[in-house]
Amino acid sequence: MIKTVLMAGGKGTRLRPLTYIRPKPMIQLVNKPIMQYMMERLRSSGFSNLIITLSYMSSHIKQYFKDGADLDLNIKYSVEPWPLGTGGGVKKVKKFVNDTFFVVSGDVITDVNFKDLLKFHKDKGALATMVLTPVDDPSHFGIAELNDNQQIINYLEKPAKNQVFSNIANTGTYVFQPEIFNYLERKKGEVDFSKHIFPQLIKEDAGIYGYIFDGYWNDVGRPETYIKATYDLLDQEIKQRLMGKKIKGKLGRLGNIWVGKNLKVGKKVRIEGPVVIGDNCTFEDGCKISQGTVIGNNVIVKQNTTIKGAVIFSDTFIGENSFIDGCIIDSRCKIHENTIVEKNAVVGSLTELGAGCIIKSSRSIVNNTRILPDTIVDYDYI
C-alpha cells in the first residue's frame, strides 16, 4: 500500500510574524490550512495513508487533523524532538514504510499528478524520483541536470549566480523505494536530502531520476508568494474546492464570490470577485471589497472602507475610511479609522493600529504591537 510522508515540521521564518503563533503549514490560505490542499490532492488521487512528520508547534497540527477521518484520510504522526532535517525526518518513520512511498512538503501548493508520477518512477525502475519544474531564479532552489534518459547526473542546492547550470528546480516532492533507508542510515545526526543523500545517489549511479513537471507549483515561502497563491486559488489557476457557498451576481455583487454563514451587508456595499468571505462577517455602509480579497470569520469592517486584494484573518476589526491593499492582517487585530496598509505588508496577531496610520509596502509588524495614531511605519517592527 502506497504511503505518503508529509513533512510539516518547519518553522517558516520567512513568513514571520504569522509563524510565531502557528506552524507554517497551518497558516490559513483562502480560509483553510496550507497543508490541507496537499492532503486533499493526495486523497483525490487515491493516496489516503499519510505519515506526517512534526516538530515546531506540533500540537497545532495533531489537534486540528486528529486521525484524518474528517478528510477521509488515515493519518499517523512522527514528532521530532529536535530538527532532524528532511532526510532525518523520513528516516525516523522507517517502521511505517515497507513499499514505494511519496515524500511531500506540507507548505506547497501544486497540481502534480501523483498517479502519473508513480508510473514514471516504476517505469524507470528508479530508487528515487525527484519532481522538477522550470523556474526563473534558480538561486532559491536546488537545481538538477538530466541525461537523455531523465536520470539526474548533477545536482546543486541554492547555487550562486556563477554556479547555475540549469533552471530546472527541485520542488521538494519525491518518490522513493524502501532501499533509500540504507542511505539514510549511513548518516548520523541531522540529515538533509539535498546536501547529503542526492549527491551520494548521483555519485554511486544508484538510479535517481527527474520527473519534469510544468504545472502549478508554489512553495508559499514568503509574503509575496503567499499572496500569489491566494490570488491563484481565487482565480482557479489551480483547481481546488474553496470554502463557503458561491453566490449569484446581482447589483453590487460582481464575479465569483464565496461566502460563509451569517454575512451582514450594509447599504451601497460593493463586492467584486473573486472573493472569499468567512462566517459572521459584517460590512457596513459604503464598503468596497475588491478582487483577490480573503476574509476570515468574525471580521467587522466599518463604513466606507476599501479592502483590495488583501488577506484578513479571523476576529479582526477595521475602522471606517481605511484602505487595506494587497497585504496580510493576522487574527484579532484592531485597525482604527483612516488607516492605510500597503501591498505585501504583514501585520501580526493582536496588533493595534492607531487612527491615521500608514503601514508602508512590505513592512512587517510583530504580534502584540500598538502603533500610535498618525504614525508612518516604513521599517519593520520585529
Protein backbone atom coordinates (compact mmCIF):
# COMPACT_ATOMS: atom_id res chain seq x y z
CA MET A 1 0.00 0.00 0.00
CA ILE A 2 1.48 3.34 -1.11
CA LYS A 3 2.06 5.74 1.77
CA THR A 4 2.99 9.42 1.82
CA VAL A 5 5.37 11.09 4.23
CA LEU A 6 4.16 14.67 4.56
CA MET A 7 6.79 16.96 6.10
CA ALA A 8 5.27 19.65 8.31
CA GLY A 9 7.95 20.45 10.89
CA GLY A 10 9.50 23.69 9.59
CA LYS A 11 9.46 27.00 11.47
CA GLY A 12 8.64 29.17 8.44
CA THR A 13 10.96 32.00 9.47
CA ARG A 14 10.43 33.94 6.23
CA LEU A 15 6.71 34.17 6.99
CA ARG A 16 7.10 35.67 10.45
CA PRO A 17 5.19 37.06 12.29
CA LEU A 18 2.48 34.69 11.00
CA THR A 19 4.50 31.70 12.20
CA TYR A 20 5.10 32.96 15.72
CA ILE A 21 1.72 31.58 16.83
CA ARG A 22 1.27 28.65 14.43
CA PRO A 23 3.41 26.30 12.32
CA LYS A 24 3.77 27.37 8.70
CA PRO A 25 1.63 24.53 7.25
CA MET A 26 -1.25 25.69 9.46
CA ILE A 27 -1.34 29.25 8.11
CA GLN A 28 -4.77 29.85 6.67
CA LEU A 29 -4.68 30.08 2.86
CA VAL A 30 -8.09 31.08 1.49
CA ASN A 31 -9.52 30.10 4.86
CA LYS A 32 -8.06 26.63 5.29
CA PRO A 33 -4.59 25.41 6.33
CA ILE A 34 -1.94 25.40 3.62
CA MET A 35 -1.19 21.72 4.18
CA GLN A 36 -4.82 20.71 3.69
CA TYR A 37 -4.55 21.42 -0.05
CA MET A 38 -1.81 18.80 -0.44
CA MET A 39 -3.74 16.34 1.70
CA GLU A 40 -6.87 16.75 -0.40
CA ARG A 41 -4.92 16.32 -3.65
CA LEU A 42 -3.36 13.10 -2.40
CA ARG A 43 -6.75 11.78 -1.30
CA SER A 44 -8.36 12.63 -4.65
CA SER A 45 -5.52 10.71 -6.36
CA GLY A 46 -6.24 7.64 -4.26
CA PHE A 47 -3.40 8.00 -1.75
CA SER A 48 -5.07 8.37 1.63
CA ASN A 49 -2.43 6.92 4.01
CA LEU A 50 -0.29 9.72 5.44
CA ILE A 51 2.58 9.88 7.89
CA ILE A 52 3.02 13.49 8.99
CA THR A 53 6.43 14.50 10.38
CA LEU A 54 6.17 17.23 13.01
CA SER A 55 8.48 19.38 15.11
CA TYR A 56 7.68 23.08 15.57
CA MET A 57 4.32 23.57 17.36
CA SER A 58 3.35 20.01 16.55
CA SER A 59 0.24 20.04 18.75
CA HIS A 60 -1.49 22.55 16.44
CA ILE A 61 -1.47 20.07 13.57
CA LYS A 62 -2.36 16.99 15.66
CA GLN A 63 -5.29 18.73 17.34
CA TYR A 64 -6.67 20.05 14.04
CA PHE A 65 -6.42 16.96 11.81
CA LYS A 66 -6.50 14.22 14.50
CA ASP A 67 -6.57 10.80 12.79
CA GLY A 68 -7.67 12.28 9.46
CA ALA A 69 -11.14 10.71 9.48
CA ASP A 70 -12.88 14.04 8.81
CA LEU A 71 -10.99 14.27 5.50
CA ASP A 72 -11.30 10.55 4.67
CA LEU A 73 -7.60 10.08 5.40
CA ASN A 74 -5.63 7.72 7.63
CA ILE A 75 -3.00 9.79 9.47
CA LYS A 76 -0.12 8.73 11.67
CA TYR A 77 2.29 11.23 13.24
CA SER A 78 6.03 11.27 13.87
CA VAL A 79 7.17 14.02 16.23
CA GLU A 80 10.84 15.05 16.08
CA PRO A 81 12.24 16.06 19.49
CA TRP A 82 14.61 18.38 17.62
CA PRO A 83 15.01 19.16 13.88
CA LEU A 84 16.33 16.07 12.10
CA GLY A 85 16.48 17.52 8.56
CA THR A 86 14.39 16.41 5.59
CA GLY A 87 16.17 13.06 5.37
CA GLY A 88 16.34 12.56 9.12
CA GLY A 89 12.61 13.07 9.46
CA VAL A 90 11.99 10.40 6.82
CA LYS A 91 14.50 8.03 8.44
CA LYS A 92 12.53 8.25 11.68
CA VAL A 93 9.36 6.84 10.03
CA LYS A 94 11.03 3.71 8.61
CA LYS A 95 8.86 1.45 10.78
CA PHE A 96 5.74 2.69 8.94
CA VAL A 97 7.06 2.14 5.40
CA ASN A 98 7.63 -1.17 3.56
CA ASP A 99 6.86 -0.26 -0.06
CA THR A 100 7.29 2.54 -2.58
CA PHE A 101 6.37 5.85 -0.92
CA PHE A 102 5.97 9.56 -1.62
CA VAL A 103 7.61 12.39 0.29
CA VAL A 104 5.90 15.78 0.00
CA SER A 105 6.03 19.18 1.69
CA GLY A 106 3.14 20.45 3.77
CA ASP A 107 3.67 24.05 2.65
CA VAL A 108 3.49 23.53 -1.14
CA ILE A 109 0.53 24.18 -3.43
CA THR A 110 0.70 22.10 -6.59
CA ASP A 111 -1.41 20.21 -9.11
CA VAL A 112 1.15 17.48 -9.80
CA ASN A 113 -0.44 14.22 -11.00
CA PHE A 114 0.65 11.67 -8.38
CA LYS A 115 -0.57 8.69 -10.40
CA ASP A 116 1.49 9.78 -13.40
CA LEU A 117 4.48 10.44 -11.14
CA LEU A 118 4.26 6.94 -9.65
CA LYS A 119 4.06 5.36 -13.12
CA PHE A 120 7.16 7.29 -14.24
CA HIS A 121 9.05 6.12 -11.16
CA LYS A 122 8.17 2.46 -11.71
CA ASP A 123 8.79 2.59 -15.48
CA LYS A 124 12.31 3.91 -14.84
CA GLY A 125 13.00 1.32 -12.17
CA ALA A 126 14.19 4.21 -10.03
CA LEU A 127 15.44 4.13 -6.47
CA ALA A 128 14.46 7.81 -6.17
CA THR A 129 12.48 10.20 -8.33
CA MET A 130 12.61 13.97 -7.83
CA VAL A 131 9.86 16.20 -9.19
CA LEU A 132 11.45 19.11 -11.06
CA THR A 133 9.98 22.27 -12.53
CA PRO A 134 11.37 25.23 -14.53
CA VAL A 135 11.92 28.44 -12.50
CA ASP A 136 13.00 31.98 -13.36
CA ASP A 137 15.50 32.36 -10.50
CA PRO A 138 17.29 29.08 -9.64
CA SER A 139 19.25 30.64 -6.75
CA HIS A 140 16.40 29.92 -4.30
CA PHE A 141 16.26 26.20 -5.08
CA GLY A 142 18.21 23.04 -5.73
CA ILE A 143 18.85 22.57 -9.45
CA ALA A 144 19.37 19.38 -11.46
CA GLU A 145 20.91 18.31 -14.76
CA LEU A 146 19.48 15.27 -16.57
CA ASN A 147 20.77 12.91 -19.24
CA ASP A 148 18.66 11.75 -22.19
CA ASN A 149 17.03 9.06 -20.06
CA GLN A 150 15.96 11.66 -17.45
CA GLN A 151 18.46 10.35 -14.91
CA ILE A 152 19.90 13.08 -12.70
CA ILE A 153 23.65 13.41 -13.30
CA ASN A 154 24.31 16.68 -11.45
CA TYR A 155 22.63 18.48 -8.56
CA LEU A 156 23.42 21.65 -6.59
CA GLU A 157 21.47 23.26 -3.76
CA LYS A 158 20.85 27.04 -3.96
CA PRO A 159 23.65 27.88 -6.41
CA ALA A 160 25.38 31.25 -6.65
CA LYS A 161 24.80 33.06 -9.94
CA ASN A 162 28.10 31.87 -11.36
CA GLN A 163 27.27 28.26 -10.41
CA VAL A 164 23.94 27.98 -12.22
CA PHE A 165 23.94 25.16 -14.80
CA SER A 166 20.17 24.60 -15.03
CA ASN A 167 16.84 26.32 -14.41
CA ILE A 168 15.15 23.02 -13.53
CA ALA A 169 14.43 23.17 -9.80
CA ASN A 170 13.67 20.66 -7.07
CA THR A 171 10.04 21.03 -5.89
CA GLY A 172 10.52 19.02 -2.68
CA THR A 173 8.28 16.19 -3.93
CA TYR A 174 9.84 12.72 -4.22
CA VAL A 175 9.15 9.03 -4.76
CA PHE A 176 11.42 6.51 -3.05
CA GLN A 177 11.91 2.79 -2.81
CA PRO A 178 12.38 1.45 0.74
CA GLU A 179 16.06 0.87 -0.09
CA ILE A 180 16.57 4.62 0.37
CA PHE A 181 16.74 3.89 4.11
CA ASN A 182 20.09 2.15 3.52
CA TYR A 183 21.49 5.55 2.51
CA LEU A 184 19.71 7.46 5.27
CA GLU A 185 21.04 5.16 7.96
CA ARG A 186 24.65 5.77 6.91
CA LYS A 187 24.29 9.34 8.17
CA LYS A 188 24.19 10.41 11.80
CA GLY A 189 22.52 13.48 13.29
CA GLU A 190 20.65 15.91 11.07
CA VAL A 191 20.30 14.51 7.52
CA ASP A 192 19.27 16.62 4.55
CA PHE A 193 18.25 15.03 1.24
CA SER A 194 19.72 17.81 -0.89
CA LYS A 195 23.03 18.09 0.98
CA HIS A 196 23.74 14.51 1.99
CA ILE A 197 21.63 11.98 0.08
CA PHE A 198 21.10 13.16 -3.51
CA PRO A 199 24.80 13.85 -4.21
CA GLN A 200 25.61 10.35 -2.91
CA LEU A 201 22.97 8.72 -5.13
CA ILE A 202 24.40 10.54 -8.15
CA LYS A 203 27.97 9.61 -7.25
CA GLU A 204 27.07 5.93 -6.90
CA ASP A 205 24.83 5.91 -10.01
CA ALA A 206 22.13 4.46 -7.77
CA GLY A 207 19.24 5.44 -10.00
CA ILE A 208 17.84 8.90 -9.18
CA TYR A 209 15.58 10.29 -11.89
CA GLY A 210 13.95 13.64 -12.61
CA TYR A 211 10.25 13.94 -13.40
CA ILE A 212 9.77 17.21 -15.29
CA PHE A 213 6.58 18.95 -14.21
CA ASP A 214 5.32 22.12 -15.88
CA GLY A 215 2.04 22.57 -13.99
CA TYR A 216 1.28 24.74 -10.96
CA TRP A 217 3.74 24.86 -8.07
CA ASN A 218 4.17 27.42 -5.27
CA ASP A 219 6.19 26.77 -2.12
CA VAL A 220 4.46 29.62 -0.24
CA GLY A 221 7.72 30.65 1.39
CA ARG A 222 7.41 34.43 1.58
CA PRO A 223 4.59 37.00 1.94
CA GLU A 224 4.74 37.68 -1.82
CA THR A 225 4.35 34.00 -2.73
CA TYR A 226 1.60 33.62 -0.12
CA ILE A 227 -0.34 36.48 -1.71
CA LYS A 228 0.28 34.99 -5.18
CA ALA A 229 -1.02 31.60 -4.04
CA THR A 230 -4.12 33.35 -2.68
CA TYR A 231 -4.80 35.07 -5.98
CA ASP A 232 -4.12 31.89 -7.98
CA LEU A 233 -6.57 29.86 -5.89
CA LEU A 234 -9.24 32.55 -6.21
CA ASP A 235 -8.68 32.79 -9.97
CA GLN A 236 -8.85 28.97 -10.20
CA GLU A 237 -5.37 28.79 -11.72
CA ILE A 238 -5.24 25.58 -9.70
CA LYS A 239 -8.49 23.70 -9.24
CA GLN A 240 -9.32 23.38 -5.54
CA ARG A 241 -12.57 23.47 -3.64
CA LEU A 242 -12.93 26.82 -1.89
CA MET A 243 -14.63 27.41 1.44
CA GLY A 244 -18.15 28.86 1.58
CA LYS A 245 -21.15 28.98 -0.72
CA LYS A 246 -20.85 30.59 -4.14
CA ILE A 247 -23.47 33.32 -4.54
CA LYS A 248 -25.10 34.62 -7.70
CA GLY A 249 -24.21 38.02 -9.08
CA LYS A 250 -26.54 41.00 -8.68
CA LEU A 251 -26.27 44.75 -8.30
CA GLY A 252 -23.14 45.44 -6.28
CA ARG A 253 -22.01 41.80 -6.46
CA LEU A 254 -19.73 41.03 -9.40
CA GLY A 255 -17.65 37.96 -10.28
CA ASN A 256 -17.13 34.82 -8.22
CA ILE A 257 -17.95 35.34 -4.55
CA TRP A 258 -17.88 32.61 -1.90
CA VAL A 259 -19.44 33.46 1.48
CA GLY A 260 -19.85 31.74 4.83
CA LYS A 261 -22.78 31.88 7.22
CA ASN A 262 -24.44 34.97 8.65
CA LEU A 263 -22.95 37.69 6.42
CA LYS A 264 -24.27 41.19 7.26
CA VAL A 265 -24.01 43.79 4.50
CA GLY A 266 -24.94 47.47 4.79
CA LYS A 267 -26.14 49.90 2.13
CA LYS A 268 -24.12 50.59 -1.03
CA VAL A 269 -21.61 47.86 -0.30
CA ARG A 270 -19.79 46.67 -3.44
CA ILE A 271 -18.13 43.25 -3.63
CA GLU A 272 -16.08 42.44 -6.72
CA GLY A 273 -14.95 38.81 -7.01
CA PRO A 274 -13.10 36.63 -6.87
CA VAL A 275 -13.50 36.99 -3.11
CA VAL A 276 -13.87 34.55 -0.21
CA ILE A 277 -15.61 35.66 2.99
CA GLY A 278 -15.87 33.59 6.18
CA ASP A 279 -18.66 33.22 8.75
CA ASN A 280 -20.24 36.01 10.83
CA CYS A 281 -18.70 38.95 8.96
CA THR A 282 -20.10 42.49 8.82
CA PHE A 283 -19.55 45.13 6.11
CA GLU A 284 -21.06 48.47 6.99
CA ASP A 285 -22.43 51.08 4.57
CA GLY A 286 -20.27 52.11 1.64
CA CYS A 287 -17.58 49.42 1.97
CA LYS A 288 -15.84 48.10 -1.13
CA ILE A 289 -14.34 44.61 -1.17
CA SER A 290 -12.28 44.12 -4.33
CA GLN A 291 -10.78 41.26 -6.32
CA GLY A 292 -8.35 38.91 -4.60
CA THR A 293 -9.59 39.56 -1.06
CA VAL A 294 -9.94 36.78 1.51
CA ILE A 295 -11.64 37.49 4.84
CA GLY A 296 -11.76 35.05 7.76
CA ASN A 297 -14.50 34.57 10.34
CA ASN A 298 -15.94 37.26 12.65
CA VAL A 299 -14.42 40.23 10.83
CA ILE A 300 -16.04 43.67 11.16
CA VAL A 301 -15.39 46.31 8.51
CA LYS A 302 -16.71 49.76 9.30
CA GLN A 303 -18.27 52.16 6.82
CA ASN A 304 -16.58 53.47 3.65
CA THR A 305 -13.53 51.22 3.99
CA THR A 306 -11.90 49.63 0.93
CA ILE A 307 -10.19 46.24 1.03
CA LYS A 308 -8.36 45.50 -2.19
CA GLY A 309 -6.73 42.09 -2.72
CA ALA A 310 -5.83 41.68 0.97
CA VAL A 311 -5.99 38.74 3.37
CA ILE A 312 -7.72 39.48 6.68
CA PHE A 313 -7.54 36.68 9.26
CA SER A 314 -10.37 35.98 11.71
CA ASP A 315 -11.63 38.16 14.60
CA THR A 316 -10.23 41.44 13.24
CA PHE A 317 -11.79 44.90 13.35
CA ILE A 318 -11.15 47.52 10.66
CA GLY A 319 -12.26 51.10 11.26
CA GLU A 320 -14.05 53.43 8.86
CA ASN A 321 -12.49 55.18 5.86
CA SER A 322 -9.49 52.85 5.81
CA PHE A 323 -7.67 51.42 2.78
CA ILE A 324 -6.23 47.90 3.05
CA ASP A 325 -4.30 46.97 -0.11
CA GLY A 326 -2.71 43.62 -1.03
CA CYS A 327 -1.40 42.91 2.47
CA ILE A 328 -1.82 40.32 5.24
CA ILE A 329 -3.57 41.17 8.52
CA ASP A 330 -3.32 38.41 11.12
CA SER A 331 -6.05 37.44 13.59
CA ARG A 332 -7.52 39.56 16.41
CA CYS A 333 -6.15 42.88 15.18
CA LYS A 334 -7.76 46.26 15.71
CA ILE A 335 -7.27 48.80 12.96
CA HIS A 336 -8.66 52.24 13.72
CA GLU A 337 -10.21 54.69 11.24
CA ASN A 338 -8.42 56.38 8.33
CA THR A 339 -5.60 53.82 8.26
CA ILE A 340 -3.70 52.70 5.15
CA VAL A 341 -1.88 49.36 4.89
CA GLU A 342 0.07 48.96 1.65
CA LYS A 343 0.96 45.95 -0.52
CA ASN A 344 2.85 42.97 0.93
CA ALA A 345 2.87 44.40 4.45
CA VAL A 346 2.31 41.82 7.21
CA VAL A 347 0.58 42.85 10.44
CA GLY A 348 0.99 40.33 13.27
CA SER A 349 -1.76 39.00 15.52
CA LEU A 350 -3.21 41.15 18.32
CA THR A 351 -1.75 44.33 16.81
CA GLU A 352 -3.50 47.68 17.18
CA LEU A 353 -3.00 50.37 14.54
CA GLY A 354 -3.99 53.83 15.71
CA ALA A 355 -6.16 56.17 13.65
CA GLY A 356 -4.47 57.64 10.59
CA CYS A 357 -1.54 55.22 10.48
CA ILE A 358 0.20 54.38 7.22
CA ILE A 359 1.96 51.00 7.00
CA LYS A 360 4.27 51.14 4.01
CA SER A 361 4.73 48.38 1.45
CA SER A 362 6.48 45.15 2.53
CA ARG A 363 6.81 46.23 6.18
CA SER A 364 6.34 43.66 8.95
CA ILE A 365 4.87 44.31 12.40
CA VAL A 366 5.35 41.71 15.09
CA ASN A 367 2.46 40.37 17.22
CA ASN A 368 1.06 42.33 20.17
CA THR A 369 2.30 45.70 18.91
CA ARG A 370 0.49 49.00 19.40
CA ILE A 371 1.19 51.68 16.78
CA LEU A 372 0.28 55.20 17.86
CA PRO A 373 -2.12 57.31 15.77
CA ASP A 374 -0.82 59.12 12.65
CA THR A 375 2.38 57.04 12.57
CA ILE A 376 4.03 56.28 9.23
CA VAL A 377 5.67 52.85 9.50
CA ASP A 378 8.48 52.50 6.96
CA TYR A 379 10.60 49.94 8.84
CA ASP A 380 9.96 46.55 10.41
CA TYR A 381 8.77 46.10 14.00
CA ILE A 382 10.46 42.82 14.97
